Amino acid sequence: MPDKYHTGTKDEHFDLVSVPYHALQSAACCETYLNDAEQAGDSDLTQFFQEVKSQNQNLAERAKQLLAQRTEQLVAH
């Protein structure tokens, strides 16, 4: 079955490349949300958006590590 985006790349590879992009994009958005919460003096929201940002950064790192491992495996074959 052809991949969903007709990129010539397997779906699982495309997906793995997409995760860091979207996770880091979300982390960048959270910076704005953090600033808004801080300006409003809302410590609960500030903490929440910091957690979301951190989780997205961690997900991006995990995806980059998996991508590096998979790249090494592809090159080795």
PDB file of N, CA and C in Angstrom:
ATOM      1  N   MET A   1       0.846  -1.177   0.000  1.00  0.00           N
ATOM      2  CA  MET A   1       0.000   0.000   0.000  1.00  0.00           C
ATOM      3  C   MET A   1       0.895   1.244   0.000  1.00  0.00           C
ATOM      4  N   PRO A   2       0.642   2.219  -0.859  1.00  0.00           N
ATOM      5  CA  PRO A   2       1.474   3.420  -0.883  1.00  0.00           C
ATOM      6  C   PRO A   2       1.297   4.250   0.392  1.00  0.00           C
ATOM      7  N   ASP A   3       2.348   5.001   0.696  1.00  0.00           N
ATOM      8  CA  ASP A   3       2.261   5.823   1.904  1.00  0.00           C
ATOM      9  C   ASP A   3       1.230   6.937   1.738  1.00  0.00           C
ATOM     10  N   LYS A   4       0.792   7.429   2.861  1.00  0.00           N
ATOM     11  CA  LYS A   4      -0.294   8.400   2.904  1.00  0.00           C
ATOM     12  C   LYS A   4       0.044   9.703   2.178  1.00  0.00           C
ATOM     13  N   TYR A   5       1.291  10.128   2.247  1.00  0.00           N
ATOM     14  CA  TYR A   5       1.675  11.427   1.701  1.00  0.00           C
ATOM     15  C   TYR A   5       2.370  11.331   0.350  1.00  0.00           C
ATOM     16  N   HIS A   6       2.577  10.110  -0.144  1.00  0.00           N
ATOM     17  CA  HIS A   6       3.222   9.896  -1.431  1.00  0.00           C
ATOM     18  C   HIS A   6       4.577  10.596  -1.493  1.00  0.00           C
ATOM     19  N   THR A   7       5.337  10.442  -0.417  1.00  0.00           N
ATOM     20  CA  THR A   7       6.639  11.085  -0.330  1.00  0.00           C
ATOM     21  C   THR A   7       7.771  10.189  -0.796  1.00  0.00           C
ATOM     22  N   GLY A   8       7.477   8.906  -0.949  1.00  0.00           N
ATOM     23  CA  GLY A   8       8.539   7.960  -1.261  1.00  0.00           C
ATOM     24  C   GLY A   8       9.260   7.489  -0.014  1.00  0.00           C
ATOM     25  N   THR A   9       8.791   7.924   1.123  1.00  0.00           N
ATOM     26  CA  THR A   9       9.365   7.549   2.416  1.00  0.00           C
ATOM     27  C   THR A   9       8.351   6.710   3.164  1.00  0.00           C
ATOM     28  N   LYS A  10       8.840   5.656   3.815  1.00  0.00           N
ATOM     29  CA  LYS A  10       7.932   4.820   4.592  1.00  0.00           C
ATOM     30  C   LYS A  10       7.214   5.667   5.636  1.00  0.00           C
ATOM     31  N   ASP A  11       5.963   5.331   5.895  1.00  0.00           N
ATOM     32  CA  ASP A  11       5.172   6.087   6.871  1.00  0.00           C
ATOM     33  C   ASP A  11       5.870   6.190   8.214  1.00  0.00           C
ATOM     34  N   GLU A  12       6.447   5.064   8.694  1.00  0.00           N
ATOM     35  CA  GLU A  12       7.059   5.104  10.027  1.00  0.00           C
ATOM     36  C   GLU A  12       8.281   6.019  10.059  1.00  0.00           C
ATOM     37  N   HIS A  13       8.994   6.143   8.942  1.00  0.00           N
ATOM     38  CA  HIS A  13      10.130   7.069   8.895  1.00  0.00           C
ATOM     39  C   HIS A  13       9.641   8.511   8.851  1.00  0.00           C
ATOM     40  N   PHE A  14       8.644   8.742   8.023  1.00  0.00           N
ATOM     41  CA  PHE A  14       8.046  10.076   7.933  1.00  0.00           C
ATOM     42  C   PHE A  14       7.524  10.492   9.309  1.00  0.00           C
ATOM     43  N   ASP A  15       6.842   9.567   9.984  1.00  0.00           N
ATOM     44  CA  ASP A  15       6.276   9.851  11.308  1.00  0.00           C
ATOM     45  C   ASP A  15       7.374  10.208  12.302  1.00  0.00           C
ATOM     46  N   LEU A  16       8.461   9.438  12.275  1.00  0.00           N
ATOM     47  CA  LEU A  16       9.549   9.672  13.221  1.00  0.00           C
ATOM     48  C   LEU A  16      10.227  11.015  12.970  1.00  0.00           C
ATOM     49  N   VAL A  17      10.334  11.407  11.734  1.00  0.00           N
ATOM     50  CA  VAL A  17      10.909  12.716  11.403  1.00  0.00           C
ATOM     51  C   VAL A  17       9.951  13.831  11.817  1.00  0.00           C
ATOM     52  N   SER A  18       8.651  13.580  11.711  1.00  0.00           N
ATOM     53  CA  SER A  18       7.651  14.601  12.030  1.00  0.00           C
ATOM     54  C   SER A  18       7.551  14.901  13.525  1.00  0.00           C
ATOM     55  N   VAL A  19       7.788  13.906  14.358  1.00  0.00           N
ATOM     56  CA  VAL A  19       7.607  14.095  15.801  1.00  0.00           C
ATOM     57  C   VAL A  19       8.481  15.216  16.362  1.00  0.00           C
ATOM     58  N   PRO A  20       9.800  15.242  16.101  1.00  0.00           N
ATOM     59  CA  PRO A  20      10.593  16.345  16.674  1.00  0.00           C
ATOM     60  C   PRO A  20      10.119  17.716  16.185  1.00  0.00           C
ATOM     61  N   TYR A  21       9.766  17.791  14.917  1.00  0.00           N
ATOM     62  CA  TYR A  21       9.288  19.063  14.375  1.00  0.00           C
ATOM     63  C   TYR A  21       8.061  19.558  15.134  1.00  0.00           C
ATOM     64  N   HIS A  22       7.069  18.700  15.265  1.00  0.00           N
ATOM     65  CA  HIS A  22       5.831  19.114  15.920  1.00  0.00           C
ATOM     66  C   HIS A  22       6.012  19.317  17.420  1.00  0.00           C
ATOM     67  N   ALA A  23       6.825  18.490  18.049  1.00  0.00           N
ATOM     68  CA  ALA A  23       7.060  18.648  19.484  1.00  0.00           C
ATOM     69  C   ALA A  23       7.788  19.961  19.769  1.00  0.00           C
ATOM     70  N   LEU A  24       8.784  20.288  18.956  1.00  0.00           N
ATOM     71  CA  LEU A  24       9.519  21.536  19.174  1.00  0.00           C
ATOM     72  C   LEU A  24       8.678  22.756  18.801  1.00  0.00           C
ATOM     73  N   GLN A  25       7.825  22.593  17.813  1.00  0.00           N
ATOM     74  CA  GLN A  25       6.900  23.678  17.472  1.00  0.00           C
ATOM     75  C   GLN A  25       5.963  23.948  18.651  1.00  0.00           C
ATOM     76  N   SER A  26       5.473  22.884  19.270  1.00  0.00           N
ATOM     77  CA  SER A  26       4.610  23.029  20.443  1.00  0.00           C
ATOM     78  C   SER A  26       5.365  23.668  21.602  1.00  0.00           C
ATOM     79  N   ALA A  27       6.608  23.239  21.808  1.00  0.00           N
ATOM     80  CA  ALA A  27       7.417  23.818  22.884  1.00  0.00           C
ATOM     81  C   ALA A  27       7.611  25.322  22.665  1.00  0.00           C
ATOM     82  N   ALA A  28       7.826  25.709  21.424  1.00  0.00           N
ATOM     83  CA  ALA A  28       7.990  27.133  21.112  1.00  0.00           C
ATOM     84  C   ALA A  28       6.702  27.905  21.392  1.00  0.00           C
ATOM     85  N   CYS A  29       5.556  27.319  21.058  1.00  0.00           N
ATOM     86  CA  CYS A  29       4.273  27.968  21.355  1.00  0.00           C
ATOM     87  C   CYS A  29       4.082  28.130  22.853  1.00  0.00           C
ATOM     88  N   CYS A  30       4.525  27.140  23.600  1.00  0.00           N
ATOM     89  CA  CYS A  30       4.365  27.188  25.055  1.00  0.00           C
ATOM     90  C   CYS A  30       5.116  28.364  25.672  1.00  0.00           C
ATOM     91  N   GLU A  31       6.166  28.806  25.012  1.00  0.00           N
ATOM     92  CA  GLU A  31       6.895  29.972  25.515  1.00  0.00           C
ATOM     93  C   GLU A  31       5.970  31.190  25.547  1.00  0.00           C
ATOM     94  N   THR A  32       5.153  31.355  24.517  1.00  0.00           N
ATOM     95  CA  THR A  32       4.176  32.443  24.483  1.00  0.00           C
ATOM     96  C   THR A  32       3.149  32.259  25.586  1.00  0.00           C
ATOM     97  N   TYR A  33       2.670  31.014  25.738  1.00  0.00           N
ATOM     98  CA  TYR A  33       1.667  30.732  26.771  1.00  0.00           C
ATOM     99  C   TYR A  33       2.235  30.978  28.160  1.00  0.00           C
ATOM    100  N   LEU A  34       3.501  30.615  28.346  1.00  0.00           N
ATOM    101  CA  LEU A  34       4.170  30.869  29.633  1.00  0.00           C
ATOM    102  C   LEU A  34       4.220  32.363  29.928  1.00  0.00           C
ATOM    103  N   ASN A  35       4.613  33.139  28.934  1.00  0.00           N
ATOM    104  CA  ASN A  35       4.681  34.591  29.117  1.00  0.00           C
ATOM    105  C   ASN A  35       3.313  35.165  29.466  1.00  0.00           C
ATOM    106  N   ASP A  36       2.269  34.693  28.791  1.00  0.00           N
ATOM    107  CA  ASP A  36       0.915  35.168  29.076  1.00  0.00           C
ATOM    108  C   ASP A  36       0.506  34.830  30.504  1.00  0.00           C
ATOM    109  N   ALA A  37       0.799  33.600  30.923  1.00  0.00           N
ATOM    110  CA  ALA A  37       0.441  33.168  32.281  1.00  0.00           C
ATOM    111  C   ALA A  37       1.220  33.954  33.328  1.00  0.00           C
ATOM    112  N   GLU A  38       2.506  34.191  33.056  1.00  0.00           N
ATOM    113  CA  GLU A  38       3.321  34.968  33.992  1.00  0.00           C
ATOM    114  C   GLU A  38       2.801  36.396  34.109  1.00  0.00           C
ATOM    115  N   GLN A  39       2.466  37.006  32.975  1.00  0.00           N
ATOM    116  CA  GLN A  39       1.942  38.375  32.994  1.00  0.00           C
ATOM    117  C   GLN A  39       0.614  38.451  33.737  1.00  0.00           C
ATOM    118  N   ALA A  40      -0.167  37.372  33.663  1.00  0.00           N
ATOM    119  CA  ALA A  40      -1.450  37.336  34.368  1.00  0.00           C
ATOM    120  C   ALA A  40      -1.263  36.992  35.844  1.00  0.00           C
ATOM    121  N   GLY A  41      -0.044  36.619  36.215  1.00  0.00           N
ATOM    122  CA  GLY A  41       0.214  36.250  37.607  1.00  0.00           C
ATOM    123  C   GLY A  41      -0.398  34.918  37.989  1.00  0.00           C
ATOM    124  N   ASP A  42      -0.610  34.037  37.018  1.00  0.00           N
ATOM    125  CA  ASP A  42      -1.249  32.746  37.260  1.00  0.00           C
ATOM    126  C   ASP A  42      -0.181  31.661  37.368  1.00  0.00           C
ATOM    127  N   SER A  43       0.199  31.365  38.587  1.00  0.00           N
ATOM    128  CA  SER A  43       1.282  30.405  38.810  1.00  0.00           C
ATOM    129  C   SER A  43       0.898  28.980  38.415  1.00  0.00           C
ATOM    130  N   ASP A  44      -0.386  28.629  38.549  1.00  0.00           N
ATOM    131  CA  ASP A  44      -0.825  27.289  38.139  1.00  0.00           C
ATOM    132  C   ASP A  44      -0.640  27.097  36.631  1.00  0.00           C
ATOM    133  N   LEU A  45      -1.078  28.082  35.857  1.00  0.00           N
ATOM    134  CA  LEU A  45      -0.912  27.982  34.415  1.00  0.00           C
ATOM    135  C   LEU A  45       0.550  28.074  34.003  1.00  0.00           C
ATOM    136  N   THR A  46       1.310  28.897  34.689  1.00  0.00           N
ATOM    137  CA  THR A  46       2.740  29.003  34.405  1.00  0.00           C
ATOM    138  C   THR A  46       3.398  27.639  34.575  1.00  0.00           C
ATOM    139  N   GLN A  47       3.106  26.981  35.671  1.00  0.00           N
ATOM    140  CA  GLN A  47       3.671  25.658  35.927  1.00  0.00           C
ATOM    141  C   GLN A  47       3.203  24.653  34.874  1.00  0.00           C
ATOM    142  N   PHE A  48       1.916  24.683  34.559  1.00  0.00           N
ATOM    143  CA  PHE A  48       1.369  23.759  33.568  1.00  0.00           C
ATOM    144  C   PHE A  48       2.055  23.924  32.216  1.00  0.00           C
ATOM    145  N   PHE A  49       2.171  25.168  31.738  1.00  0.00           N
ATOM    146  CA  PHE A  49       2.776  25.391  30.431  1.00  0.00           C
ATOM    147  C   PHE A  49       4.263  25.053  30.437  1.00  0.00           C
ATOM    148  N   GLN A  50       4.927  25.229  31.574  1.00  0.00           N
ATOM    149  CA  GLN A  50       6.326  24.822  31.681  1.00  0.00           C
ATOM    150  C   GLN A  50       6.441  23.297  31.569  1.00  0.00           C
ATOM    151  N   GLU A  51       5.514  22.583  32.194  1.00  0.00           N
ATOM    152  CA  GLU A  51       5.508  21.121  32.098  1.00  0.00           C
ATOM    153  C   GLU A  51       5.262  20.661  30.666  1.00  0.00           C
ATOM    154  N   VAL A  52       4.307  21.290  30.000  1.00  0.00           N
ATOM    155  CA  VAL A  52       4.005  20.930  28.610  1.00  0.00           C
ATOM    156  C   VAL A  52       5.227  21.178  27.732  1.00  0.00           C
ATOM    157  N   LYS A  53       5.859  22.334  27.919  1.00  0.00           N
ATOM    158  CA  LYS A  53       7.054  22.669  27.145  1.00  0.00           C
ATOM    159  C   LYS A  53       8.151  21.632  27.377  1.00  0.00           C
ATOM    160  N   SER A  54       8.394  21.302  28.630  1.00  0.00           N
ATOM    161  CA  SER A  54       9.427  20.338  28.986  1.00  0.00           C
ATOM    162  C   SER A  54       9.131  18.953  28.406  1.00  0.00           C
ATOM    163  N   GLN A  55       7.886  18.517  28.496  1.00  0.00           N
ATOM    164  CA  GLN A  55       7.510  17.215  27.943  1.00  0.00           C
ATOM    165  C   GLN A  55       7.720  17.178  26.429  1.00  0.00           C
ATOM    166  N   ASN A  56       7.371  18.250  25.762  1.00  0.00           N
ATOM    167  CA  ASN A  56       7.580  18.306  24.316  1.00  0.00           C
ATOM    168  C   ASN A  56       9.061  18.300  23.955  1.00  0.00           C
ATOM    169  N   GLN A  57       9.875  18.999  24.735  1.00  0.00           N
ATOM    170  CA  GLN A  57      11.315  18.983  24.489  1.00  0.00           C
ATOM    171  C   GLN A  57      11.873  17.574  24.697  1.00  0.00           C
ATOM    172  N   ASN A  58      11.392  16.882  25.734  1.00  0.00           N
ATOM    173  CA  ASN A  58      11.845  15.512  25.999  1.00  0.00           C
ATOM    174  C   ASN A  58      11.418  14.565  24.879  1.00  0.00           C
ATOM    175  N   LEU A  59      10.198  14.719  24.397  1.00  0.00           N
ATOM    176  CA  LEU A  59       9.732  13.884  23.285  1.00  0.00           C
ATOM    177  C   LEU A  59      10.566  14.123  22.030  1.00  0.00           C
ATOM    178  N   ALA A  60      10.891  15.361  21.770  1.00  0.00           N
ATOM    179  CA  ALA A  60      11.720  15.678  20.604  1.00  0.00           C
ATOM    180  C   ALA A  60      13.099  15.025  20.736  1.00  0.00           C
ATOM    181  N   GLU A  61      13.669  15.066  21.924  1.00  0.00           N
ATOM    182  CA  GLU A  61      14.971  14.434  22.158  1.00  0.00           C
ATOM    183  C   GLU A  61      14.901  12.930  21.941  1.00  0.00           C
ATOM    184  N   ARG A  62      13.864  12.286  22.483  1.00  0.00           N
ATOM    185  CA  ARG A  62      13.701  10.839  22.299  1.00  0.00           C
ATOM    186  C   ARG A  62      13.567  10.498  20.819  1.00  0.00           C
ATOM    187  N   ALA A  63      12.794  11.280  20.103  1.00  0.00           N
ATOM    188  CA  ALA A  63      12.613  11.037  18.675  1.00  0.00           C
ATOM    189  C   ALA A  63      13.929  11.227  17.921  1.00  0.00           C
ATOM    190  N   LYS A  64      14.708  12.230  18.289  1.00  0.00           N
ATOM    191  CA  LYS A  64      16.002  12.451  17.635  1.00  0.00           C
ATOM    192  C   LYS A  64      16.932  11.273  17.889  1.00  0.00           C
ATOM    193  N   GLN A  65      16.917  10.728  19.110  1.00  0.00           N
ATOM    194  CA  GLN A  65      17.751   9.568  19.423  1.00  0.00           C
ATOM    195  C   GLN A  65      17.325   8.358  18.593  1.00  0.00           C
ATOM    196  N   LEU A  66      16.016   8.121  18.518  1.00  0.00           N
ATOM    197  CA  LEU A  66      15.520   7.010  17.703  1.00  0.00           C
ATOM    198  C   LEU A  66      15.877   7.206  16.235  1.00  0.00           C
ATOM    199  N   LEU A  67      15.757   8.422  15.768  1.00  0.00           N
ATOM    200  CA  LEU A  67      16.087   8.719  14.384  1.00  0.00           C
ATOM    201  C   LEU A  67      17.575   8.462  14.124  1.00  0.00           C
ATOM    202  N   ALA A  68      18.424   8.852  15.047  1.00  0.00           N
ATOM    203  CA  ALA A  68      19.860   8.604  14.903  1.00  0.00           C
ATOM    204  C   ALA A  68      20.150   7.109  14.871  1.00  0.00           C
ATOM    205  N   GLN A  69      19.515   6.355  15.763  1.00  0.00           N
ATOM    206  CA  GLN A  69      19.707   4.903  15.784  1.00  0.00           C
ATOM    207  C   GLN A  69      19.247   4.277  14.476  1.00  0.00           C
ATOM    208  N   ARG A  70      18.078   4.676  14.025  1.00  0.00           N
ATOM    209  CA  ARG A  70      17.533   4.102  12.787  1.00  0.00           C
ATOM    210  C   ARG A  70      18.403   4.481  11.586  1.00  0.00           C
ATOM    211  N   THR A  71      18.934   5.681  11.589  1.00  0.00           N
ATOM    212  CA  THR A  71      19.783   6.125  10.491  1.00  0.00           C
ATOM    213  C   THR A  71      21.043   5.269  10.448  1.00  0.00           C
ATOM    214  N   GLU A  72      21.629   5.010  11.620  1.00  0.00           N
ATOM    215  CA  GLU A  72      22.815   4.153  11.687  1.00  0.00           C
ATOM    216  C   GLU A  72      22.495   2.752  11.166  1.00  0.00           C
ATOM    217  N   GLN A  73      21.331   2.229  11.515  1.00  0.00           N
ATOM    218  CA  GLN A  73      20.917   0.893  11.061  1.00  0.00           C
ATOM    219  C   GLN A  73      20.724   0.869   9.552  1.00  0.00           C
ATOM    220  N   LEU A  74      20.119   1.911   9.005  1.00  0.00           N
ATOM    221  CA  LEU A  74      19.901   1.970   7.560  1.00  0.00           C
ATOM    222  C   LEU A  74      21.222   2.045   6.803  1.00  0.00           C
ATOM    223  N   VAL A  75      22.155   2.817   7.342  1.00  0.00           N
ATOM    224  CA  VAL A  75      23.449   2.973   6.685  1.00  0.00           C
ATOM    225  C   VAL A  75      24.253   1.666   6.757  1.00  0.00           C
ATOM    226  N   ALA A  76      24.106   0.936   7.863  1.00  0.00           N
ATOM    227  CA  ALA A  76      24.844  -0.321   8.061  1.00  0.00           C
ATOM    228  C   ALA A  76      24.381  -1.411   7.104  1.00  0.00           C
ATOM    229  N   HIS A  77      23.152  -1.322   6.623  1.00  0.00           N
ATOM    230  CA  HIS A  77      22.632  -2.379   5.721  1.00  0.00           C
ATOM    231  C   HIS A  77      23.011  -2.064   4.353  1.00  0.00           C
TER     232      HIS A  77
END
